[in-house]
Amino acid sequence: MNETESESVRRWLAGWQRAAPVLERLRTEAIRGSNTATAIEQLSDAFESALRHCPPAATSGLVEQQRLFARWRR
């Protein structure tokens, strides 16, 4: 990496270091200002649709994983 690229990276990092506290403050304010009950209500139709179109798997895969491990152990 030449000096010009190094300087560019330093400026880029400095910019993110300045932005990080501002972004964190905005994130914290958004979380504190959110209404969980309203968000759940707004997302409930999408959740129900997802359940209808992509039902959850009958298993997590853990039983299958344990079966494979047991077979490999032998």
C-alpha atoms as a PDB file:
ATOM      1  CA  MET A   1       0.000   0.000   0.000  1.00  0.00           C
ATOM      2  CA  ASN A   2       1.482   3.319  -0.997  1.00  0.00           C
ATOM      3  CA  GLU A   3       1.370   6.539   1.044  1.00  0.00           C
ATOM      4  CA  THR A   4      -1.660   7.919  -0.822  1.00  0.00           C
ATOM      5  CA  GLU A   5      -3.670   4.771  -0.147  1.00  0.00           C
ATOM      6  CA  SER A   6      -2.568   4.722   3.490  1.00  0.00           C
ATOM      7  CA  GLU A   7      -3.676   8.326   3.940  1.00  0.00           C
ATOM      8  CA  SER A   8      -7.006   7.536   2.300  1.00  0.00           C
ATOM      9  CA  VAL A   9      -7.540   4.623   4.688  1.00  0.00           C
ATOM     10  CA  ARG A  10      -6.615   6.812   7.680  1.00  0.00           C
ATOM     11  CA  ARG A  11      -9.154   9.455   6.603  1.00  0.00           C
ATOM     12  CA  TRP A  12     -11.802   6.778   6.077  1.00  0.00           C
ATOM     13  CA  LEU A  13     -11.162   5.342   9.558  1.00  0.00           C
ATOM     14  CA  ALA A  14     -11.184   8.790  11.136  1.00  0.00           C
ATOM     15  CA  GLY A  15     -14.534   9.506   9.496  1.00  0.00           C
ATOM     16  CA  TRP A  16     -16.051   6.333  10.929  1.00  0.00           C
ATOM     17  CA  GLN A  17     -14.562   7.078  14.346  1.00  0.00           C
ATOM     18  CA  ARG A  18     -16.307  10.456  14.307  1.00  0.00           C
ATOM     19  CA  ALA A  19     -19.547   8.950  13.024  1.00  0.00           C
ATOM     20  CA  ALA A  20     -19.677   6.024  15.481  1.00  0.00           C
ATOM     21  CA  PRO A  21     -20.868   7.983  18.553  1.00  0.00           C
ATOM     22  CA  VAL A  22     -23.467   9.837  16.487  1.00  0.00           C
ATOM     23  CA  LEU A  23     -24.768   6.606  14.955  1.00  0.00           C
ATOM     24  CA  GLU A  24     -24.853   4.937  18.377  1.00  0.00           C
ATOM     25  CA  ARG A  25     -26.821   7.868  19.829  1.00  0.00           C
ATOM     26  CA  LEU A  26     -29.310   7.698  16.939  1.00  0.00           C
ATOM     27  CA  ARG A  27     -29.664   3.934  17.401  1.00  0.00           C
ATOM     28  CA  THR A  28     -30.259   4.321  21.139  1.00  0.00           C
ATOM     29  CA  GLU A  29     -32.851   7.053  20.580  1.00  0.00           C
ATOM     30  CA  ALA A  30     -34.657   4.928  17.984  1.00  0.00           C
ATOM     31  CA  ILE A  31     -34.764   1.941  20.337  1.00  0.00           C
ATOM     32  CA  ARG A  32     -35.954   4.011  23.283  1.00  0.00           C
ATOM     33  CA  GLY A  33     -38.564   5.747  21.151  1.00  0.00           C
ATOM     34  CA  SER A  34     -39.979   2.586  19.656  1.00  0.00           C
ATOM     35  CA  ASN A  35     -43.222   1.043  20.798  1.00  0.00           C
ATOM     36  CA  THR A  36     -42.855  -2.738  20.905  1.00  0.00           C
ATOM     37  CA  ALA A  37     -46.589  -3.421  21.028  1.00  0.00           C
ATOM     38  CA  THR A  38     -47.200  -1.277  17.939  1.00  0.00           C
ATOM     39  CA  ALA A  39     -44.317  -2.921  16.076  1.00  0.00           C
ATOM     40  CA  ILE A  40     -45.664  -6.387  16.859  1.00  0.00           C
ATOM     41  CA  GLU A  41     -49.113  -5.350  15.676  1.00  0.00           C
ATOM     42  CA  GLN A  42     -47.684  -3.914  12.456  1.00  0.00           C
ATOM     43  CA  LEU A  43     -45.680  -7.057  11.733  1.00  0.00           C
ATOM     44  CA  SER A  44     -48.282  -9.651  12.730  1.00  0.00           C
ATOM     45  CA  ASP A  45     -49.797 -10.002   9.238  1.00  0.00           C
ATOM     46  CA  ALA A  46     -46.362 -10.499   7.687  1.00  0.00           C
ATOM     47  CA  PHE A  47     -45.536 -13.099  10.346  1.00  0.00           C
ATOM     48  CA  GLU A  48     -48.772 -14.990   9.758  1.00  0.00           C
ATOM     49  CA  SER A  49     -48.140 -14.930   6.011  1.00  0.00           C
ATOM     50  CA  ALA A  50     -44.626 -16.282   6.489  1.00  0.00           C
ATOM     51  CA  LEU A  51     -45.952 -19.104   8.668  1.00  0.00           C
ATOM     52  CA  ARG A  52     -48.552 -19.964   6.026  1.00  0.00           C
ATOM     53  CA  HIS A  53     -46.103 -19.936   3.112  1.00  0.00           C
ATOM     54  CA  CYS A  54     -43.017 -21.306   4.896  1.00  0.00           C
ATOM     55  CA  PRO A  55     -44.117 -23.459   7.819  1.00  0.00           C
ATOM     56  CA  PRO A  56     -41.466 -24.189  10.425  1.00  0.00           C
ATOM     57  CA  ALA A  57     -39.497 -27.410  10.037  1.00  0.00           C
ATOM     58  CA  ALA A  58     -40.626 -30.409  12.045  1.00  0.00           C
ATOM     59  CA  THR A  59     -37.159 -30.652  13.557  1.00  0.00           C
ATOM     60  CA  SER A  60     -34.270 -28.317  14.204  1.00  0.00           C
ATOM     61  CA  GLY A  61     -31.836 -30.761  12.666  1.00  0.00           C
ATOM     62  CA  LEU A  62     -30.197 -31.443  16.016  1.00  0.00           C
ATOM     63  CA  VAL A  63     -31.451 -35.045  16.106  1.00  0.00           C
ATOM     64  CA  GLU A  64     -30.090 -35.654  12.611  1.00  0.00           C
ATOM     65  CA  GLN A  65     -26.773 -34.068  13.591  1.00  0.00           C
ATOM     66  CA  GLN A  66     -26.520 -36.302  16.662  1.00  0.00           C
ATOM     67  CA  ARG A  67     -27.296 -39.365  14.520  1.00  0.00           C
ATOM     68  CA  LEU A  68     -24.480 -38.427  12.129  1.00  0.00           C
ATOM     69  CA  PHE A  69     -22.028 -37.844  14.989  1.00  0.00           C
ATOM     70  CA  ALA A  70     -22.904 -41.208  16.485  1.00  0.00           C
ATOM     71  CA  ARG A  71     -22.349 -42.904  13.130  1.00  0.00           C
ATOM     72  CA  TRP A  72     -18.994 -41.140  12.635  1.00  0.00           C
ATOM     73  CA  ARG A  73     -17.905 -42.087  16.134  1.00  0.00           C
ATOM     74  CA  ARG A  74     -18.216 -45.808  15.308  1.00  0.00           C
END
